[in-house]
Amino acid sequence: MLAIVTEGGLAAISAEWNADDVILNTAGPAEVEARLRLAIGRRALRTAADTPDEIRSGDLAIDEATYSARLRGRVLDLTFKEFELLKFLAQHPGRVFTRAHLLQEVWGYDYFGGTRTVDVHVRRLRAKLGPEHEALIGTVRNVGYRFVPVKGAPEDRESADLLASDAAIAAER
């Protein structure tokens, strides 16, 4: 909400009004339009921040707000650590993580078990993803694991579109 007031009315403004911005009645049309655009942009950012984060890759959807993962609309029965491991890998698609790094990030600094714990959790996670989707978690021999995004997924197309537009801009110069 934008409040348009006279100069004398500025003293009466309070936070109870829930105004996003205050404009003097002497402001020109360009200033009013600019402040409207800024207010709408701020509201959109707040709304986007209020919505729960969801990570998507092809048929896989990971909802951080409800700690649930769905594959083709079917909820996966994951333990807390399996969910955290899948979420962490999916947040960094293509990046390779060592077992030690995954232990540190997913299990925390106070975990004293062996690095093979990661292998066991990855094996169980792949089994729950099923044979068609187990390749979402790739193995890099003698290093660790990575999340392999589905080819043709929306985020891949967006990245390709951005690269294509960057190339077109560079070609124009």
N, C-alpha and C. Protein backbone atom coordinates (compact mmCIF):
# COMPACT_ATOMS: atom_id res chain seq x y z
N MET A 1 0.84 -1.17 0.00
CA MET A 1 0.00 0.00 0.00
C MET A 1 0.89 1.24 0.00
N LEU A 2 0.54 2.16 -0.82
CA LEU A 2 1.24 3.44 -0.88
C LEU A 2 0.36 4.51 -0.25
N ALA A 3 0.96 5.33 0.59
CA ALA A 3 0.21 6.43 1.20
C ALA A 3 0.62 7.73 0.53
N ILE A 4 -0.37 8.45 0.02
CA ILE A 4 -0.12 9.76 -0.59
C ILE A 4 -0.62 10.80 0.39
N VAL A 5 0.29 11.63 0.90
CA VAL A 5 -0.06 12.60 1.94
C VAL A 5 0.47 13.99 1.58
N THR A 6 -0.07 14.95 2.29
CA THR A 6 0.46 16.31 2.16
C THR A 6 1.67 16.42 3.06
N GLU A 7 2.42 17.49 2.88
CA GLU A 7 3.61 17.68 3.71
C GLU A 7 3.23 17.77 5.19
N GLY A 8 2.11 18.39 5.50
CA GLY A 8 1.65 18.49 6.89
C GLY A 8 1.20 17.14 7.44
N GLY A 9 0.78 16.23 6.56
CA GLY A 9 0.31 14.91 6.99
C GLY A 9 1.43 13.94 7.34
N LEU A 10 2.66 14.28 7.03
CA LEU A 10 3.79 13.39 7.34
C LEU A 10 3.90 13.10 8.83
N ALA A 11 3.54 14.07 9.67
CA ALA A 11 3.65 13.90 11.12
C ALA A 11 2.67 12.85 11.63
N ALA A 12 1.58 12.62 10.92
CA ALA A 12 0.55 11.69 11.38
C ALA A 12 0.80 10.24 10.96
N ILE A 13 1.75 10.00 10.10
CA ILE A 13 1.99 8.64 9.60
C ILE A 13 2.52 7.76 10.72
N SER A 14 1.99 6.53 10.80
CA SER A 14 2.49 5.58 11.80
C SER A 14 2.62 4.20 11.16
N ALA A 15 3.31 3.32 11.85
CA ALA A 15 3.53 1.96 11.36
C ALA A 15 2.23 1.17 11.28
N GLU A 16 1.23 1.58 12.04
CA GLU A 16 -0.06 0.89 12.04
C GLU A 16 -0.75 0.96 10.68
N TRP A 17 -0.35 1.91 9.86
CA TRP A 17 -0.95 2.05 8.54
C TRP A 17 -0.53 0.92 7.60
N ASN A 18 0.55 0.24 7.91
CA ASN A 18 1.10 -0.82 7.05
C ASN A 18 1.38 -0.32 5.63
N ALA A 19 1.83 0.89 5.53
CA ALA A 19 2.14 1.47 4.22
C ALA A 19 3.52 0.98 3.77
N ASP A 20 3.62 0.57 2.51
CA ASP A 20 4.90 0.16 1.95
C ASP A 20 5.78 1.36 1.64
N ASP A 21 5.16 2.49 1.34
CA ASP A 21 5.91 3.69 0.99
C ASP A 21 5.00 4.89 1.18
N VAL A 22 5.60 6.07 1.33
CA VAL A 22 4.86 7.32 1.49
C VAL A 22 5.29 8.26 0.37
N ILE A 23 4.31 8.88 -0.27
CA ILE A 23 4.58 9.81 -1.36
C ILE A 23 3.88 11.12 -1.05
N LEU A 24 4.59 12.21 -1.25
CA LEU A 24 3.96 13.52 -1.10
C LEU A 24 3.02 13.76 -2.27
N ASN A 25 1.94 14.50 -2.01
CA ASN A 25 0.95 14.74 -3.05
C ASN A 25 1.50 15.63 -4.17
N THR A 26 2.65 16.21 -3.96
CA THR A 26 3.26 17.05 -5.00
C THR A 26 4.19 16.25 -5.92
N ALA A 27 4.31 14.95 -5.68
CA ALA A 27 5.21 14.12 -6.49
C ALA A 27 4.70 14.04 -7.92
N GLY A 28 5.63 13.98 -8.85
CA GLY A 28 5.28 13.88 -10.26
C GLY A 28 4.92 12.46 -10.65
N PRO A 29 4.33 12.28 -11.82
CA PRO A 29 3.92 10.95 -12.29
C PRO A 29 5.09 9.96 -12.39
N ALA A 30 6.25 10.42 -12.80
CA ALA A 30 7.40 9.51 -12.93
C ALA A 30 7.82 8.97 -11.57
N GLU A 31 7.81 9.82 -10.53
CA GLU A 31 8.18 9.37 -9.19
C GLU A 31 7.15 8.39 -8.66
N VAL A 32 5.87 8.68 -8.87
CA VAL A 32 4.81 7.78 -8.41
C VAL A 32 4.94 6.42 -9.08
N GLU A 33 5.18 6.43 -10.39
CA GLU A 33 5.35 5.17 -11.12
C GLU A 33 6.56 4.39 -10.61
N ALA A 34 7.68 5.08 -10.38
CA ALA A 34 8.89 4.42 -9.89
C ALA A 34 8.65 3.81 -8.51
N ARG A 35 8.00 4.55 -7.63
CA ARG A 35 7.74 4.02 -6.28
C ARG A 35 6.76 2.85 -6.32
N LEU A 36 5.79 2.89 -7.23
CA LEU A 36 4.88 1.76 -7.39
C LEU A 36 5.64 0.51 -7.85
N ARG A 37 6.52 0.68 -8.84
CA ARG A 37 7.30 -0.46 -9.32
C ARG A 37 8.16 -1.04 -8.20
N LEU A 38 8.80 -0.17 -7.42
CA LEU A 38 9.64 -0.64 -6.31
C LEU A 38 8.81 -1.37 -5.25
N ALA A 39 7.65 -0.84 -4.92
CA ALA A 39 6.79 -1.47 -3.92
C ALA A 39 6.31 -2.84 -4.40
N ILE A 40 5.93 -2.92 -5.67
CA ILE A 40 5.49 -4.21 -6.23
C ILE A 40 6.64 -5.20 -6.23
N GLY A 41 7.84 -4.75 -6.57
CA GLY A 41 9.02 -5.62 -6.56
C GLY A 41 9.34 -6.13 -5.17
N ARG A 42 9.28 -5.24 -4.17
CA ARG A 42 9.54 -5.65 -2.78
C ARG A 42 8.50 -6.66 -2.32
N ARG A 43 7.25 -6.43 -2.66
CA ARG A 43 6.19 -7.35 -2.26
C ARG A 43 6.40 -8.72 -2.90
N ALA A 44 6.79 -8.74 -4.17
CA ALA A 44 7.05 -10.01 -4.86
C ALA A 44 8.20 -10.75 -4.20
N LEU A 45 9.24 -10.03 -3.79
CA LEU A 45 10.37 -10.68 -3.11
C LEU A 45 9.94 -11.25 -1.78
N ARG A 46 9.13 -10.52 -1.02
CA ARG A 46 8.65 -11.03 0.27
C ARG A 46 7.79 -12.25 0.07
N THR A 47 6.92 -12.24 -0.92
CA THR A 47 6.04 -13.37 -1.20
C THR A 47 6.86 -14.59 -1.60
N ALA A 48 7.87 -14.38 -2.44
CA ALA A 48 8.73 -15.49 -2.86
C ALA A 48 9.48 -16.06 -1.67
N ALA A 49 9.89 -15.22 -0.73
CA ALA A 49 10.62 -15.69 0.44
C ALA A 49 9.71 -16.46 1.38
N ASP A 50 8.41 -16.16 1.37
CA ASP A 50 7.46 -16.84 2.25
C ASP A 50 7.08 -18.22 1.75
N THR A 51 7.23 -18.47 0.46
CA THR A 51 6.85 -19.76 -0.08
C THR A 51 7.93 -20.79 0.24
N PRO A 52 7.52 -22.02 0.53
CA PRO A 52 8.51 -23.04 0.87
C PRO A 52 9.39 -23.38 -0.33
N ASP A 53 10.63 -23.66 -0.02
CA ASP A 53 11.57 -24.00 -1.08
C ASP A 53 11.34 -25.43 -1.54
N GLU A 54 11.38 -25.60 -2.83
CA GLU A 54 11.26 -26.93 -3.42
C GLU A 54 12.33 -27.08 -4.48
N ILE A 55 13.06 -28.17 -4.39
CA ILE A 55 14.10 -28.47 -5.36
C ILE A 55 13.51 -29.48 -6.33
N ARG A 56 13.62 -29.19 -7.63
CA ARG A 56 13.05 -30.09 -8.64
C ARG A 56 14.13 -30.51 -9.62
N SER A 57 14.05 -31.77 -10.00
CA SER A 57 14.90 -32.29 -11.06
C SER A 57 14.13 -33.42 -11.74
N GLY A 58 13.59 -33.12 -12.90
CA GLY A 58 12.79 -34.12 -13.60
C GLY A 58 11.58 -34.52 -12.79
N ASP A 59 11.45 -35.81 -12.51
CA ASP A 59 10.31 -36.34 -11.76
C ASP A 59 10.49 -36.22 -10.25
N LEU A 60 11.67 -35.78 -9.80
CA LEU A 60 11.97 -35.70 -8.38
C LEU A 60 11.68 -34.30 -7.86
N ALA A 61 10.94 -34.22 -6.75
CA ALA A 61 10.65 -32.95 -6.08
C ALA A 61 10.98 -33.11 -4.61
N ILE A 62 11.84 -32.22 -4.09
CA ILE A 62 12.25 -32.26 -2.69
C ILE A 62 11.70 -31.00 -2.02
N ASP A 63 10.82 -31.19 -1.04
CA ASP A 63 10.19 -30.07 -0.34
C ASP A 63 10.85 -29.90 1.02
N GLU A 64 11.62 -28.82 1.16
CA GLU A 64 12.34 -28.58 2.41
C GLU A 64 11.41 -28.23 3.56
N ALA A 65 10.27 -27.61 3.26
CA ALA A 65 9.36 -27.18 4.31
C ALA A 65 8.69 -28.37 5.01
N THR A 66 8.39 -29.42 4.26
CA THR A 66 7.69 -30.57 4.83
C THR A 66 8.60 -31.79 5.01
N TYR A 67 9.88 -31.63 4.69
CA TYR A 67 10.84 -32.74 4.76
C TYR A 67 10.30 -33.97 4.04
N SER A 68 9.85 -33.74 2.82
CA SER A 68 9.36 -34.86 2.02
C SER A 68 9.95 -34.78 0.62
N ALA A 69 10.07 -35.94 0.02
CA ALA A 69 10.55 -36.03 -1.35
C ALA A 69 9.55 -36.87 -2.13
N ARG A 70 9.25 -36.42 -3.35
CA ARG A 70 8.30 -37.13 -4.20
C ARG A 70 8.97 -37.49 -5.52
N LEU A 71 8.67 -38.68 -5.97
CA LEU A 71 9.16 -39.14 -7.26
C LEU A 71 7.94 -39.51 -8.09
N ARG A 72 7.71 -38.76 -9.18
CA ARG A 72 6.50 -38.93 -10.00
C ARG A 72 5.23 -38.82 -9.16
N GLY A 73 5.25 -37.91 -8.19
CA GLY A 73 4.09 -37.68 -7.34
C GLY A 73 3.96 -38.63 -6.17
N ARG A 74 4.77 -39.68 -6.16
CA ARG A 74 4.72 -40.68 -5.07
C ARG A 74 5.71 -40.27 -3.99
N VAL A 75 5.25 -40.20 -2.74
CA VAL A 75 6.11 -39.80 -1.63
C VAL A 75 7.11 -40.92 -1.34
N LEU A 76 8.38 -40.54 -1.24
CA LEU A 76 9.43 -41.50 -0.91
C LEU A 76 9.52 -41.63 0.61
N ASP A 77 9.64 -42.84 1.10
CA ASP A 77 9.75 -43.09 2.54
C ASP A 77 11.22 -43.01 2.93
N LEU A 78 11.70 -41.79 3.21
CA LEU A 78 13.11 -41.58 3.51
C LEU A 78 13.31 -41.32 5.00
N THR A 79 14.43 -41.80 5.52
CA THR A 79 14.81 -41.43 6.88
C THR A 79 15.30 -39.98 6.85
N PHE A 80 15.48 -39.40 8.02
CA PHE A 80 15.92 -38.01 8.10
C PHE A 80 17.26 -37.82 7.40
N LYS A 81 18.22 -38.70 7.65
CA LYS A 81 19.55 -38.56 7.05
C LYS A 81 19.51 -38.81 5.54
N GLU A 82 18.68 -39.75 5.09
CA GLU A 82 18.54 -39.97 3.65
C GLU A 82 17.98 -38.71 2.98
N PHE A 83 16.99 -38.10 3.63
CA PHE A 83 16.42 -36.88 3.08
C PHE A 83 17.47 -35.77 3.04
N GLU A 84 18.19 -35.59 4.14
CA GLU A 84 19.21 -34.53 4.20
C GLU A 84 20.31 -34.76 3.16
N LEU A 85 20.70 -36.01 2.97
CA LEU A 85 21.73 -36.33 1.98
C LEU A 85 21.23 -36.02 0.57
N LEU A 86 20.02 -36.46 0.25
CA LEU A 86 19.44 -36.19 -1.07
C LEU A 86 19.29 -34.69 -1.30
N LYS A 87 18.80 -33.98 -0.29
CA LYS A 87 18.61 -32.53 -0.41
C LYS A 87 19.95 -31.83 -0.63
N PHE A 88 20.96 -32.20 0.15
CA PHE A 88 22.27 -31.55 0.02
C PHE A 88 22.86 -31.78 -1.37
N LEU A 89 22.80 -33.01 -1.85
CA LEU A 89 23.34 -33.30 -3.18
C LEU A 89 22.55 -32.56 -4.26
N ALA A 90 21.22 -32.54 -4.14
CA ALA A 90 20.38 -31.88 -5.15
C ALA A 90 20.56 -30.37 -5.16
N GLN A 91 20.95 -29.81 -4.02
CA GLN A 91 21.20 -28.36 -3.97
C GLN A 91 22.47 -27.98 -4.72
N HIS A 92 23.33 -28.95 -4.98
CA HIS A 92 24.60 -28.70 -5.67
C HIS A 92 24.74 -29.66 -6.85
N PRO A 93 23.87 -29.56 -7.85
CA PRO A 93 23.90 -30.53 -8.95
C PRO A 93 25.22 -30.50 -9.71
N GLY A 94 25.74 -31.71 -9.96
CA GLY A 94 26.97 -31.85 -10.73
C GLY A 94 28.24 -31.73 -9.91
N ARG A 95 28.16 -31.17 -8.74
CA ARG A 95 29.37 -31.00 -7.91
C ARG A 95 29.69 -32.30 -7.18
N VAL A 96 30.95 -32.66 -7.18
CA VAL A 96 31.38 -33.90 -6.54
C VAL A 96 31.78 -33.60 -5.10
N PHE A 97 31.29 -34.44 -4.18
CA PHE A 97 31.62 -34.30 -2.76
C PHE A 97 32.29 -35.57 -2.26
N THR A 98 33.35 -35.41 -1.49
CA THR A 98 34.00 -36.56 -0.88
C THR A 98 33.11 -37.09 0.24
N ARG A 99 33.36 -38.31 0.64
CA ARG A 99 32.60 -38.89 1.74
C ARG A 99 32.79 -38.06 3.01
N ALA A 100 34.03 -37.63 3.25
CA ALA A 100 34.32 -36.83 4.45
C ALA A 100 33.55 -35.52 4.43
N HIS A 101 33.47 -34.88 3.27
CA HIS A 101 32.73 -33.62 3.17
C HIS A 101 31.24 -33.85 3.40
N LEU A 102 30.70 -34.93 2.84
CA LEU A 102 29.29 -35.25 3.06
C LEU A 102 29.02 -35.54 4.53
N LEU A 103 29.94 -36.26 5.18
CA LEU A 103 29.77 -36.52 6.61
C LEU A 103 29.73 -35.21 7.39
N GLN A 104 30.62 -34.31 7.04
CA GLN A 104 30.69 -33.02 7.74
C GLN A 104 29.42 -32.20 7.51
N GLU A 105 28.94 -32.14 6.27
CA GLU A 105 27.79 -31.30 5.93
C GLU A 105 26.46 -31.90 6.36
N VAL A 106 26.30 -33.21 6.19
CA VAL A 106 25.01 -33.85 6.46
C VAL A 106 24.92 -34.39 7.88
N TRP A 107 25.97 -35.03 8.34
CA TRP A 107 25.95 -35.63 9.67
C TRP A 107 26.42 -34.65 10.74
N GLY A 108 27.25 -33.71 10.38
CA GLY A 108 27.72 -32.71 11.34
C GLY A 108 29.10 -33.02 11.87
N TYR A 109 29.66 -32.02 12.53
CA TYR A 109 31.03 -32.12 13.04
C TYR A 109 31.16 -33.13 14.17
N ASP A 110 30.09 -33.39 14.90
CA ASP A 110 30.18 -34.27 16.07
C ASP A 110 30.01 -35.75 15.73
N TYR A 111 29.95 -36.11 14.46
CA TYR A 111 29.80 -37.51 14.07
C TYR A 111 31.17 -38.19 14.10
N PHE A 112 31.25 -39.35 14.75
CA PHE A 112 32.53 -40.04 14.90
C PHE A 112 32.61 -41.36 14.16
N GLY A 113 31.61 -41.69 13.35
CA GLY A 113 31.61 -42.95 12.62
C GLY A 113 32.53 -42.90 11.41
N GLY A 114 32.57 -44.00 10.68
CA GLY A 114 33.42 -44.09 9.50
C GLY A 114 32.76 -43.50 8.26
N THR A 115 33.59 -43.26 7.24
CA THR A 115 33.08 -42.65 6.01
C THR A 115 32.21 -43.61 5.22
N ARG A 116 32.28 -44.90 5.50
CA ARG A 116 31.45 -45.87 4.78
C ARG A 116 29.97 -45.73 5.13
N THR A 117 29.67 -44.98 6.17
CA THR A 117 28.28 -44.68 6.50
C THR A 117 27.61 -44.00 5.32
N VAL A 118 28.34 -43.13 4.64
CA VAL A 118 27.81 -42.44 3.46
C VAL A 118 27.45 -43.46 2.39
N ASP A 119 28.33 -44.44 2.16
CA ASP A 119 28.07 -45.47 1.15
C ASP A 119 26.77 -46.22 1.44
N VAL A 120 26.57 -46.56 2.70
CA VAL A 120 25.36 -47.30 3.09
C VAL A 120 24.11 -46.45 2.83
N HIS A 121 24.17 -45.19 3.21
CA HIS A 121 23.01 -44.31 3.00
C HIS A 121 22.75 -44.09 1.52
N VAL A 122 23.79 -43.95 0.72
CA VAL A 122 23.62 -43.77 -0.72
C VAL A 122 22.99 -45.03 -1.32
N ARG A 123 23.45 -46.20 -0.89
CA ARG A 123 22.89 -47.45 -1.40
C ARG A 123 21.41 -47.55 -1.07
N ARG A 124 21.03 -47.22 0.17
CA ARG A 124 19.62 -47.28 0.57
C ARG A 124 18.79 -46.23 -0.18
N LEU A 125 19.38 -45.06 -0.37
CA LEU A 125 18.69 -43.99 -1.09
C LEU A 125 18.44 -44.38 -2.54
N ARG A 126 19.45 -44.97 -3.17
CA ARG A 126 19.28 -45.42 -4.56
C ARG A 126 18.21 -46.50 -4.66
N ALA A 127 18.17 -47.39 -3.68
CA ALA A 127 17.15 -48.45 -3.68
C ALA A 127 15.75 -47.84 -3.59
N LYS A 128 15.60 -46.79 -2.80
CA LYS A 128 14.29 -46.14 -2.66
C LYS A 128 13.93 -45.33 -3.90
N LEU A 129 14.93 -44.83 -4.61
CA LEU A 129 14.67 -44.11 -5.86
C LEU A 129 14.26 -45.07 -6.97
N GLY A 130 14.71 -46.31 -6.86
CA GLY A 130 14.36 -47.33 -7.85
C GLY A 130 15.35 -47.37 -8.99
N PRO A 131 15.32 -48.47 -9.76
CA PRO A 131 16.31 -48.67 -10.82
C PRO A 131 16.27 -47.59 -11.90
N GLU A 132 15.10 -47.01 -12.14
CA GLU A 132 14.97 -46.00 -13.19
C GLU A 132 15.60 -44.66 -12.79
N HIS A 133 15.67 -44.38 -11.48
CA HIS A 133 16.15 -43.08 -11.02
C HIS A 133 17.38 -43.16 -10.11
N GLU A 134 17.93 -44.36 -9.91
CA GLU A 134 19.09 -44.47 -9.02
C GLU A 134 20.30 -43.71 -9.55
N ALA A 135 20.32 -43.46 -10.86
CA ALA A 135 21.45 -42.74 -11.47
C ALA A 135 21.46 -41.26 -11.12
N LEU A 136 20.43 -40.78 -10.41
CA LEU A 136 20.43 -39.38 -9.96
C LEU A 136 21.61 -39.12 -9.02
N ILE A 137 22.04 -40.17 -8.33
CA ILE A 137 23.20 -40.05 -7.45
C ILE A 137 24.34 -40.80 -8.11
N GLY A 138 25.27 -40.05 -8.64
CA GLY A 138 26.39 -40.64 -9.36
C GLY A 138 27.58 -40.89 -8.45
N THR A 139 28.33 -41.93 -8.77
CA THR A 139 29.56 -42.26 -8.04
C THR A 139 30.75 -41.79 -8.84
N VAL A 140 31.67 -41.12 -8.18
CA VAL A 140 32.95 -40.76 -8.78
C VAL A 140 33.99 -41.60 -8.06
N ARG A 141 34.50 -42.59 -8.76
CA ARG A 141 35.40 -43.57 -8.13
C ARG A 141 36.57 -42.90 -7.41
N ASN A 142 36.85 -43.42 -6.24
CA ASN A 142 37.94 -42.96 -5.38
C ASN A 142 37.78 -41.51 -4.91
N VAL A 143 36.60 -40.93 -5.12
CA VAL A 143 36.38 -39.56 -4.66
C VAL A 143 35.14 -39.49 -3.79
N GLY A 144 33.96 -39.72 -4.38
CA GLY A 144 32.72 -39.59 -3.62
C GLY A 144 31.50 -39.65 -4.50
N TYR A 145 30.56 -38.73 -4.26
CA TYR A 145 29.27 -38.77 -4.94
C TYR A 145 28.87 -37.39 -5.44
N ARG A 146 27.94 -37.41 -6.41
CA ARG A 146 27.38 -36.16 -6.92
C ARG A 146 25.94 -36.40 -7.35
N PHE A 147 25.19 -35.31 -7.42
CA PHE A 147 23.82 -35.37 -7.93
C PHE A 147 23.88 -35.12 -9.42
N VAL A 148 23.30 -36.03 -10.19
CA VAL A 148 23.31 -35.92 -11.65
C VAL A 148 21.91 -35.48 -12.08
N PRO A 149 21.74 -34.20 -12.45
CA PRO A 149 20.41 -33.73 -12.82
C PRO A 149 19.90 -34.42 -14.08
N VAL A 150 18.60 -34.54 -14.16
CA VAL A 150 17.95 -35.17 -15.31
C VAL A 150 18.14 -34.29 -16.52
N LYS A 151 18.57 -34.87 -17.63
CA LYS A 151 18.73 -34.11 -18.87
C LYS A 151 17.37 -33.65 -19.35
N GLY A 152 17.29 -32.38 -19.77
CA GLY A 152 16.04 -31.83 -20.26
C GLY A 152 15.12 -31.34 -19.15
N ALA A 153 15.60 -31.38 -17.88
CA ALA A 153 14.79 -30.86 -16.79
C ALA A 153 14.69 -29.35 -16.93
N PRO A 154 13.67 -28.72 -16.34
CA PRO A 154 13.48 -27.28 -16.50
C PRO A 154 14.70 -26.46 -16.14
N GLU A 155 15.43 -26.83 -15.07
CA GLU A 155 16.59 -26.02 -14.69
C GLU A 155 17.70 -26.14 -15.73
N ASP A 156 17.78 -27.30 -16.42
CA ASP A 156 18.77 -27.45 -17.49
C ASP A 156 18.40 -26.56 -18.68
N ARG A 157 17.11 -26.50 -19.01
CA ARG A 157 16.67 -25.66 -20.12
C ARG A 157 16.89 -24.19 -19.80
N GLU A 158 16.64 -23.78 -18.53
CA GLU A 158 16.86 -22.39 -18.15
C GLU A 158 18.33 -22.03 -18.28
N SER A 159 19.22 -22.92 -17.84
CA SER A 159 20.65 -22.67 -17.95
C SER A 159 21.06 -22.57 -19.41
N ALA A 160 20.51 -23.45 -20.25
CA ALA A 160 20.83 -23.42 -21.67
C ALA A 160 20.33 -22.13 -22.30
N ASP A 161 19.13 -21.69 -21.91
CA ASP A 161 18.59 -20.43 -22.44
C ASP A 161 19.46 -19.25 -22.04
N LEU A 162 19.92 -19.24 -20.78
CA LEU A 162 20.79 -18.15 -20.33
C LEU A 162 22.10 -18.14 -21.10
N LEU A 163 22.68 -19.33 -21.30
CA LEU A 163 23.93 -19.41 -22.05
C LEU A 163 23.72 -18.94 -23.49
N ALA A 164 22.60 -19.34 -24.09
CA ALA A 164 22.32 -18.93 -25.47
C ALA A 164 22.14 -17.42 -25.57
N SER A 165 21.43 -16.83 -24.60
CA SER A 165 21.23 -15.38 -24.65
C SER A 165 22.54 -14.65 -24.40
N ASP A 166 23.40 -15.17 -23.50
CA ASP A 166 24.72 -14.56 -23.28
C ASP A 166 25.56 -14.62 -24.55
N ALA A 167 25.48 -15.75 -25.26
CA ALA A 167 26.25 -15.90 -26.50
C ALA A 167 25.74 -14.94 -27.56
N ALA A 168 24.41 -14.76 -27.62
CA ALA A 168 23.84 -13.84 -28.61
C ALA A 168 24.26 -12.40 -28.32
N ILE A 169 24.29 -12.04 -27.04
CA ILE A 169 24.71 -10.68 -26.67
C ILE A 169 26.18 -10.48 -27.01
N ALA A 170 27.01 -11.49 -26.73
CA ALA A 170 28.44 -11.39 -27.04
C ALA A 170 28.66 -11.29 -28.55
N ALA A 171 27.84 -11.99 -29.34
CA ALA A 171 27.99 -11.96 -30.80
C ALA A 171 27.62 -10.59 -31.37
N GLU A 172 26.67 -9.90 -30.70
CA GLU A 172 26.26 -8.58 -31.17
C GLU A 172 27.35 -7.54 -30.97
N ARG A 173 28.21 -7.74 -29.99
CA ARG A 173 29.26 -6.76 -29.67
C ARG A 173 30.36 -6.81 -30.61
